[in-house]
């Protein structure tokens, strides 16, 4: 169980770093959906923080849906 938590923490650190990088790139762009993208990115940034604080417990649903949501969000950002 400890090993899973370590991998989950490492994944969350990588995701947070990449999302912050993408937010800064989008903030500089002239994308018409800039506000929506930034709001959704901030929401996706808050989810791991709430898990680390203990509000949301790591579950199989979280382990499946969060990477799926991140990948879909990043795919939509890249194509917009």
PDB file of N, CA and C in Angstrom:
ATOM      1  N   UNK A   1       0.821  -1.192   0.000  1.00  0.00           N
ATOM      2  CA  UNK A   1       0.000   0.000   0.000  1.00  0.00           C
ATOM      3  C   UNK A   1       0.872   1.268   0.000  1.00  0.00           C
ATOM      4  N   UNK A   2       1.997   1.192   0.709  1.00  0.00           N
ATOM      5  CA  UNK A   2       2.897   2.342   0.774  1.00  0.00           C
ATOM      6  C   UNK A   2       3.466   2.640  -0.616  1.00  0.00           C
ATOM      7  N   UNK A   3       3.792   1.582  -1.356  1.00  0.00           N
ATOM      8  CA  UNK A   3       4.340   1.759  -2.693  1.00  0.00           C
ATOM      9  C   UNK A   3       3.337   2.438  -3.617  1.00  0.00           C
ATOM     10  N   UNK A   4       2.071   2.082  -3.504  1.00  0.00           N
ATOM     11  CA  UNK A   4       1.024   2.715  -4.311  1.00  0.00           C
ATOM     12  C   UNK A   4       0.907   4.192  -3.970  1.00  0.00           C
ATOM     13  N   UNK A   5       0.990   4.527  -2.697  1.00  0.00           N
ATOM     14  CA  UNK A   5       0.921   5.942  -2.289  1.00  0.00           C
ATOM     15  C   UNK A   5       2.105   6.742  -2.816  1.00  0.00           C
ATOM     16  N   UNK A   6       3.280   6.131  -2.829  1.00  0.00           N
ATOM     17  CA  UNK A   6       4.458   6.821  -3.348  1.00  0.00           C
ATOM     18  C   UNK A   6       4.300   7.084  -4.842  1.00  0.00           C
ATOM     19  N   UNK A   7       3.841   6.073  -5.594  1.00  0.00           N
ATOM     20  CA  UNK A   7       3.606   6.268  -7.025  1.00  0.00           C
ATOM     21  C   UNK A   7       2.516   7.297  -7.276  1.00  0.00           C
ATOM     22  N   UNK A   8       1.476   7.271  -6.475  1.00  0.00           N
ATOM     23  CA  UNK A   8       0.386   8.236  -6.613  1.00  0.00           C
ATOM     24  C   UNK A   8       0.879   9.649  -6.328  1.00  0.00           C
ATOM     25  N   UNK A   9       1.710   9.807  -5.323  1.00  0.00           N
ATOM     26  CA  UNK A   9       2.264  11.122  -5.000  1.00  0.00           C
ATOM     27  C   UNK A   9       3.186  11.613  -6.123  1.00  0.00           C
ATOM     28  N   UNK A  10       4.017  10.733  -6.666  1.00  0.00           N
ATOM     29  CA  UNK A  10       4.901  11.119  -7.763  1.00  0.00           C
ATOM     30  C   UNK A  10       4.096  11.504  -9.001  1.00  0.00           C
ATOM     31  N   UNK A  11       3.037  10.763  -9.296  1.00  0.00           N
ATOM     32  CA  UNK A  11       2.185  11.089 -10.430  1.00  0.00           C
ATOM     33  C   UNK A  11       1.526  12.446 -10.229  1.00  0.00           C
ATOM     34  N   UNK A  12       1.046  12.707  -9.026  1.00  0.00           N
ATOM     35  CA  UNK A  12       0.391  13.985  -8.748  1.00  0.00           C
ATOM     36  C   UNK A  12       1.356  15.154  -8.869  1.00  0.00           C
ATOM     37  N   UNK A  13       2.586  14.978  -8.440  1.00  0.00           N
ATOM     38  CA  UNK A  13       3.583  16.043  -8.567  1.00  0.00           C
ATOM     39  C   UNK A  13       3.859  16.332 -10.041  1.00  0.00           C
ATOM     40  N   UNK A  14       3.994  15.288 -10.842  1.00  0.00           N
ATOM     41  CA  UNK A  14       4.235  15.481 -12.270  1.00  0.00           C
ATOM     42  C   UNK A  14       3.052  16.161 -12.946  1.00  0.00           C
ATOM     43  N   UNK A  15       1.854  15.770 -12.597  1.00  0.00           N
ATOM     44  CA  UNK A  15       0.652  16.352 -13.195  1.00  0.00           C
ATOM     45  C   UNK A  15       0.511  17.816 -12.811  1.00  0.00           C
ATOM     46  N   UNK A  16       0.730  18.129 -11.556  1.00  0.00           N
ATOM     47  CA  UNK A  16       0.617  19.521 -11.099  1.00  0.00           C
ATOM     48  C   UNK A  16       1.642  20.396 -11.813  1.00  0.00           C
ATOM     49  N   UNK A  17       2.860  19.912 -11.932  1.00  0.00           N
ATOM     50  CA  UNK A  17       3.900  20.681 -12.619  1.00  0.00           C
ATOM     51  C   UNK A  17       3.531  20.930 -14.074  1.00  0.00           C
ATOM     52  N   UNK A  18       3.068  19.899 -14.766  1.00  0.00           N
ATOM     53  CA  UNK A  18       2.727  20.054 -16.174  1.00  0.00           C
ATOM     54  C   UNK A  18       1.499  20.946 -16.356  1.00  0.00           C
ATOM     55  N   UNK A  19       0.509  20.813 -15.486  1.00  0.00           N
ATOM     56  CA  UNK A  19      -0.675  21.672 -15.600  1.00  0.00           C
ATOM     57  C   UNK A  19      -0.329  23.134 -15.373  1.00  0.00           C
ATOM     58  N   UNK A  20       0.529  23.412 -14.425  1.00  0.00           N
ATOM     59  CA  UNK A  20       0.938  24.802 -14.196  1.00  0.00           C
ATOM     60  C   UNK A  20       1.680  25.336 -15.419  1.00  0.00           C
ATOM     61  N   UNK A  21       2.526  24.523 -16.011  1.00  0.00           N
ATOM     62  CA  UNK A  21       3.232  24.916 -17.231  1.00  0.00           C
ATOM     63  C   UNK A  21       2.239  25.224 -18.356  1.00  0.00           C
ATOM     64  N   UNK A  22       1.238  24.366 -18.548  1.00  0.00           N
ATOM     65  CA  UNK A  22       0.246  24.581 -19.603  1.00  0.00           C
ATOM     66  C   UNK A  22      -0.635  25.798 -19.316  1.00  0.00           C
ATOM     67  N   UNK A  23      -0.959  26.030 -18.046  1.00  0.00           N
ATOM     68  CA  UNK A  23      -1.763  27.216 -17.690  1.00  0.00           C
ATOM     69  C   UNK A  23      -0.997  28.484 -18.069  1.00  0.00           C
ATOM     70  N   UNK A  24       0.290  28.508 -17.778  1.00  0.00           N
ATOM     71  CA  UNK A  24       1.089  29.682 -18.118  1.00  0.00           C
ATOM     72  C   UNK A  24       1.182  29.883 -19.619  1.00  0.00           C
ATOM     73  N   UNK A  25       1.258  28.804 -20.392  1.00  0.00           N
ATOM     74  CA  UNK A  25       1.284  28.923 -21.849  1.00  0.00           C
ATOM     75  C   UNK A  25      -0.048  29.429 -22.382  1.00  0.00           C
ATOM     76  N   UNK A  26      -1.138  28.934 -21.847  1.00  0.00           N
ATOM     77  CA  UNK A  26      -2.461  29.348 -22.334  1.00  0.00           C
ATOM     78  C   UNK A  26      -2.758  30.784 -21.927  1.00  0.00           C
ATOM     79  N   UNK A  27      -2.278  31.184 -20.771  1.00  0.00           N
ATOM     80  CA  UNK A  27      -2.504  32.553 -20.333  1.00  0.00           C
ATOM     81  C   UNK A  27      -1.860  33.552 -21.302  1.00  0.00           C
ATOM     82  N   UNK A  28      -0.759  33.184 -21.919  1.00  0.00           N
ATOM     83  CA  UNK A  28      -0.080  34.052 -22.871  1.00  0.00           C
ATOM     84  C   UNK A  28      -0.715  34.020 -24.254  1.00  0.00           C
ATOM     85  N   UNK A  29      -1.521  33.001 -24.539  1.00  0.00           N
ATOM     86  CA  UNK A  29      -2.085  32.846 -25.884  1.00  0.00           C
ATOM     87  C   UNK A  29      -3.352  33.687 -26.055  1.00  0.00           C
ATOM     88  N   UNK A  30      -3.867  33.685 -27.279  1.00  0.00           N
ATOM     89  CA  UNK A  30      -5.086  34.421 -27.600  1.00  0.00           C
ATOM     90  C   UNK A  30      -6.268  33.474 -27.776  1.00  0.00           C
ATOM     91  N   UNK A  31      -6.288  32.397 -27.059  1.00  0.00           N
ATOM     92  CA  UNK A  31      -7.348  31.405 -27.172  1.00  0.00           C
ATOM     93  C   UNK A  31      -8.663  32.003 -26.673  1.00  0.00           C
ATOM     94  N   UNK A  32      -9.767  31.868 -27.437  1.00  0.00           N
ATOM     95  CA  UNK A  32     -11.041  32.435 -26.988  1.00  0.00           C
ATOM     96  C   UNK A  32     -11.637  31.709 -25.772  1.00  0.00           C
ATOM     97  N   UNK A  33     -11.231  30.468 -25.547  1.00  0.00           N
ATOM     98  CA  UNK A  33     -11.738  29.692 -24.403  1.00  0.00           C
ATOM     99  C   UNK A  33     -10.754  29.708 -23.235  1.00  0.00           C
ATOM    100  N   UNK A  34      -9.936  30.728 -23.157  1.00  0.00           N
ATOM    101  CA  UNK A  34      -8.873  30.794 -22.163  1.00  0.00           C
ATOM    102  C   UNK A  34      -9.407  30.705 -20.726  1.00  0.00           C
ATOM    103  N   UNK A  35     -10.496  31.389 -20.434  1.00  0.00           N
ATOM    104  CA  UNK A  35     -11.028  31.393 -19.063  1.00  0.00           C
ATOM    105  C   UNK A  35     -11.503  30.009 -18.652  1.00  0.00           C
ATOM    106  N   UNK A  36     -12.213  29.310 -19.554  1.00  0.00           N
ATOM    107  CA  UNK A  36     -12.710  27.971 -19.230  1.00  0.00           C
ATOM    108  C   UNK A  36     -11.570  27.000 -19.008  1.00  0.00           C
ATOM    109  N   UNK A  37     -10.557  27.078 -19.842  1.00  0.00           N
ATOM    110  CA  UNK A  37      -9.419  26.177 -19.720  1.00  0.00           C
ATOM    111  C   UNK A  37      -8.699  26.399 -18.395  1.00  0.00           C
ATOM    112  N   UNK A  38      -8.524  27.638 -18.009  1.00  0.00           N
ATOM    113  CA  UNK A  38      -7.835  27.943 -16.757  1.00  0.00           C
ATOM    114  C   UNK A  38      -8.665  27.497 -15.556  1.00  0.00           C
ATOM    115  N   UNK A  39      -9.985  27.695 -15.593  1.00  0.00           N
ATOM    116  CA  UNK A  39     -10.853  27.275 -14.488  1.00  0.00           C
ATOM    117  C   UNK A  39     -10.824  25.755 -14.333  1.00  0.00           C
ATOM    118  N   UNK A  40     -10.924  25.028 -15.439  1.00  0.00           N
ATOM    119  CA  UNK A  40     -10.890  23.567 -15.375  1.00  0.00           C
ATOM    120  C   UNK A  40      -9.524  23.088 -14.896  1.00  0.00           C
ATOM    121  N   UNK A  41      -8.462  23.743 -15.331  1.00  0.00           N
ATOM    122  CA  UNK A  41      -7.118  23.366 -14.888  1.00  0.00           C
ATOM    123  C   UNK A  41      -6.944  23.587 -13.394  1.00  0.00           C
ATOM    124  N   UNK A  42      -7.448  24.674 -12.889  1.00  0.00           N
ATOM    125  CA  UNK A  42      -7.345  24.938 -11.446  1.00  0.00           C
ATOM    126  C   UNK A  42      -8.144  23.906 -10.661  1.00  0.00           C
ATOM    127  N   UNK A  43      -9.320  23.537 -11.170  1.00  0.00           N
ATOM    128  CA  UNK A  43     -10.110  22.488 -10.521  1.00  0.00           C
ATOM    129  C   UNK A  43      -9.339  21.165 -10.493  1.00  0.00           C
ATOM    130  N   UNK A  44      -8.702  20.826 -11.613  1.00  0.00           N
ATOM    131  CA  UNK A  44      -7.916  19.593 -11.653  1.00  0.00           C
ATOM    132  C   UNK A  44      -6.680  19.678 -10.763  1.00  0.00           C
ATOM    133  N   UNK A  45      -6.190  20.885 -10.525  1.00  0.00           N
ATOM    134  CA  UNK A  45      -5.066  21.050  -9.594  1.00  0.00           C
ATOM    135  C   UNK A  45      -5.509  20.894  -8.139  1.00  0.00           C
ATOM    136  N   UNK A  46      -6.734  21.267  -7.842  1.00  0.00           N
ATOM    137  CA  UNK A  46      -7.211  21.189  -6.463  1.00  0.00           C
ATOM    138  C   UNK A  46      -7.555  19.768  -6.020  1.00  0.00           C
ATOM    139  N   UNK A  47      -7.890  18.908  -6.958  1.00  0.00           N
ATOM    140  CA  UNK A  47      -8.267  17.538  -6.599  1.00  0.00           C
ATOM    141  C   UNK A  47      -7.127  16.791  -5.898  1.00  0.00           C
ATOM    142  N   UNK A  48      -5.884  16.787  -6.429  1.00  0.00           N
ATOM    143  CA  UNK A  48      -4.813  16.114  -5.684  1.00  0.00           C
ATOM    144  C   UNK A  48      -4.514  16.784  -4.342  1.00  0.00           C
ATOM    145  N   UNK A  49      -4.675  18.086  -4.269  1.00  0.00           N
ATOM    146  CA  UNK A  49      -4.430  18.776  -2.999  1.00  0.00           C
ATOM    147  C   UNK A  49      -5.429  18.321  -1.937  1.00  0.00           C
ATOM    148  N   UNK A  50      -6.684  18.142  -2.337  1.00  0.00           N
ATOM    149  CA  UNK A  50      -7.674  17.671  -1.370  1.00  0.00           C
ATOM    150  C   UNK A  50      -7.395  16.230  -0.960  1.00  0.00           C
ATOM    151  N   UNK A  51      -6.845  15.437  -1.871  1.00  0.00           N
ATOM    152  CA  UNK A  51      -6.492  14.068  -1.521  1.00  0.00           C
ATOM    153  C   UNK A  51      -5.339  14.053  -0.525  1.00  0.00           C
ATOM    154  N   UNK A  52      -4.349  14.916  -0.734  1.00  0.00           N
ATOM    155  CA  UNK A  52      -3.213  14.964   0.185  1.00  0.00           C
ATOM    156  C   UNK A  52      -3.609  15.490   1.557  1.00  0.00           C
ATOM    157  N   UNK A  53      -4.625  16.353   1.599  1.00  0.00           N
ATOM    158  CA  UNK A  53      -5.109  16.862   2.881  1.00  0.00           C
ATOM    159  C   UNK A  53      -6.004  15.862   3.600  1.00  0.00           C
ATOM    160  N   UNK A  54      -6.465  14.849   2.880  1.00  0.00           N
ATOM    161  CA  UNK A  54      -7.284  13.825   3.506  1.00  0.00           C
ATOM    162  C   UNK A  54      -8.771  13.982   3.289  1.00  0.00           C
ATOM    163  N   UNK A  55      -9.199  14.967   2.504  1.00  0.00           N
ATOM    164  CA  UNK A  55     -10.623  15.141   2.247  1.00  0.00           C
ATOM    165  C   UNK A  55     -11.163  14.053   1.322  1.00  0.00           C
ATOM    166  N   UNK A  56     -10.352  13.647   0.348  1.00  0.00           N
ATOM    167  CA  UNK A  56     -10.713  12.579  -0.579  1.00  0.00           C
ATOM    168  C   UNK A  56      -9.706  11.461  -0.388  1.00  0.00           C
ATOM    169  N   UNK A  57     -10.210  10.240  -0.182  1.00  0.00           N
ATOM    170  CA  UNK A  57      -9.304   9.116  -0.008  1.00  0.00           C
ATOM    171  C   UNK A  57      -8.979   8.499  -1.370  1.00  0.00           C
ATOM    172  N   UNK A  58      -7.743   8.043  -1.556  1.00  0.00           N
ATOM    173  CA  UNK A  58      -7.398   7.395  -2.831  1.00  0.00           C
ATOM    174  C   UNK A  58      -8.211   6.116  -2.988  1.00  0.00           C
ATOM    175  N   UNK A  59      -8.929   6.017  -4.063  1.00  0.00           N
ATOM    176  CA  UNK A  59      -9.757   4.849  -4.322  1.00  0.00           C
ATOM    177  C   UNK A  59      -9.518   4.391  -5.754  1.00  0.00           C
ATOM    178  N   UNK A  60      -9.982   3.206  -6.107  1.00  0.00           N
ATOM    179  CA  UNK A  60      -9.826   2.752  -7.495  1.00  0.00           C
ATOM    180  C   UNK A  60     -10.512   3.683  -8.498  1.00  0.00           C
ATOM    181  N   UNK A  61     -11.605   4.283  -8.114  1.00  0.00           N
ATOM    182  CA  UNK A  61     -12.287   5.223  -9.011  1.00  0.00           C
ATOM    183  C   UNK A  61     -11.403   6.438  -9.256  1.00  0.00           C
ATOM    184  N   UNK A  62     -10.804   6.975  -8.207  1.00  0.00           N
ATOM    185  CA  UNK A  62      -9.899   8.112  -8.356  1.00  0.00           C
ATOM    186  C   UNK A  62      -8.698   7.734  -9.209  1.00  0.00           C
ATOM    187  N   UNK A  63      -8.129   6.553  -8.956  1.00  0.00           N
ATOM    188  CA  UNK A  63      -6.947   6.119  -9.690  1.00  0.00           C
ATOM    189  C   UNK A  63      -7.236   5.910 -11.174  1.00  0.00           C
ATOM    190  N   UNK A  64      -8.490   5.645 -11.537  1.00  0.00           N
ATOM    191  CA  UNK A  64      -8.859   5.475 -12.933  1.00  0.00           C
ATOM    192  C   UNK A  64      -9.323   6.774 -13.572  1.00  0.00           C
ATOM    193  N   UNK A  65     -10.172   7.516 -12.887  1.00  0.00           N
ATOM    194  CA  UNK A  65     -10.788   8.693 -13.495  1.00  0.00           C
ATOM    195  C   UNK A  65      -9.884   9.915 -13.542  1.00  0.00           C
ATOM    196  N   UNK A  66      -9.056  10.125 -12.552  1.00  0.00           N
ATOM    197  CA  UNK A  66      -8.217  11.320 -12.544  1.00  0.00           C
ATOM    198  C   UNK A  66      -7.217  11.331 -13.704  1.00  0.00           C
ATOM    199  N   UNK A  67      -6.464  10.250 -13.940  1.00  0.00           N
ATOM    200  CA  UNK A  67      -5.576  10.277 -15.122  1.00  0.00           C
ATOM    201  C   UNK A  67      -6.353  10.412 -16.429  1.00  0.00           C
ATOM    202  N   UNK A  68      -7.530   9.832 -16.492  1.00  0.00           N
ATOM    203  CA  UNK A  68      -8.362   9.967 -17.690  1.00  0.00           C
ATOM    204  C   UNK A  68      -8.793  11.422 -17.885  1.00  0.00           C
ATOM    205  N   UNK A  69      -9.200  12.082 -16.808  1.00  0.00           N
ATOM    206  CA  UNK A  69      -9.604  13.489 -16.895  1.00  0.00           C
ATOM    207  C   UNK A  69      -8.427  14.382 -17.271  1.00  0.00           C
ATOM    208  N   UNK A  70      -7.279  14.121 -16.706  1.00  0.00           N
ATOM    209  CA  UNK A  70      -6.080  14.902 -17.031  1.00  0.00           C
ATOM    210  C   UNK A  70      -5.702  14.725 -18.499  1.00  0.00           C
ATOM    211  N   UNK A  71      -5.693  13.493 -18.964  1.00  0.00           N
ATOM    212  CA  UNK A  71      -5.297  13.259 -20.355  1.00  0.00           C
ATOM    213  C   UNK A  71      -6.295  13.867 -21.329  1.00  0.00           C
ATOM    214  N   UNK A  72      -7.589  13.777 -21.040  1.00  0.00           N
ATOM    215  CA  UNK A  72      -8.596  14.390 -21.906  1.00  0.00           C
ATOM    216  C   UNK A  72      -8.447  15.911 -21.912  1.00  0.00           C
ATOM    217  N   UNK A  73      -8.226  16.486 -20.758  1.00  0.00           N
ATOM    218  CA  UNK A  73      -8.063  17.938 -20.660  1.00  0.00           C
ATOM    219  C   UNK A  73      -6.833  18.399 -21.441  1.00  0.00           C
ATOM    220  N   UNK A  74      -5.719  17.705 -21.282  1.00  0.00           N
ATOM    221  CA  UNK A  74      -4.506  18.085 -22.003  1.00  0.00           C
ATOM    222  C   UNK A  74      -4.658  17.877 -23.502  1.00  0.00           C
ATOM    223  N   UNK A  75      -5.384  16.845 -23.916  1.00  0.00           N
ATOM    224  CA  UNK A  75      -5.640  16.620 -25.335  1.00  0.00           C
ATOM    225  C   UNK A  75      -6.470  17.752 -25.913  1.00  0.00           C
ATOM    226  N   UNK A  76      -7.501  18.179 -25.195  1.00  0.00           N
ATOM    227  CA  UNK A  76      -8.335  19.262 -25.678  1.00  0.00           C
ATOM    228  C   UNK A  76      -7.590  20.594 -25.710  1.00  0.00           C
ATOM    229  N   UNK A  77      -6.694  20.803 -24.745  1.00  0.00           N
ATOM    230  CA  UNK A  77      -5.889  22.022 -24.745  1.00  0.00           C
ATOM    231  C   UNK A  77      -4.958  22.029 -25.961  1.00  0.00           C
ATOM    232  N   UNK A  78      -4.340  20.902 -26.247  1.00  0.00           N
ATOM    233  CA  UNK A  78      -3.400  20.840 -27.359  1.00  0.00           C
ATOM    234  C   UNK A  78      -4.102  21.067 -28.702  1.00  0.00           C
ATOM    235  N   UNK A  79      -5.322  20.573 -28.836  1.00  0.00           N
ATOM    236  CA  UNK A  79      -6.039  20.705 -30.102  1.00  0.00           C
ATOM    237  C   UNK A  79      -6.775  22.019 -30.242  1.00  0.00           C
ATOM    238  N   UNK A  80      -6.827  22.824 -29.216  1.00  0.00           N
ATOM    239  CA  UNK A  80      -7.555  24.102 -29.340  1.00  0.00           C
ATOM    240  C   UNK A  80      -6.640  25.221 -29.761  1.00  0.00           C
TER     241      UNK A  80
END
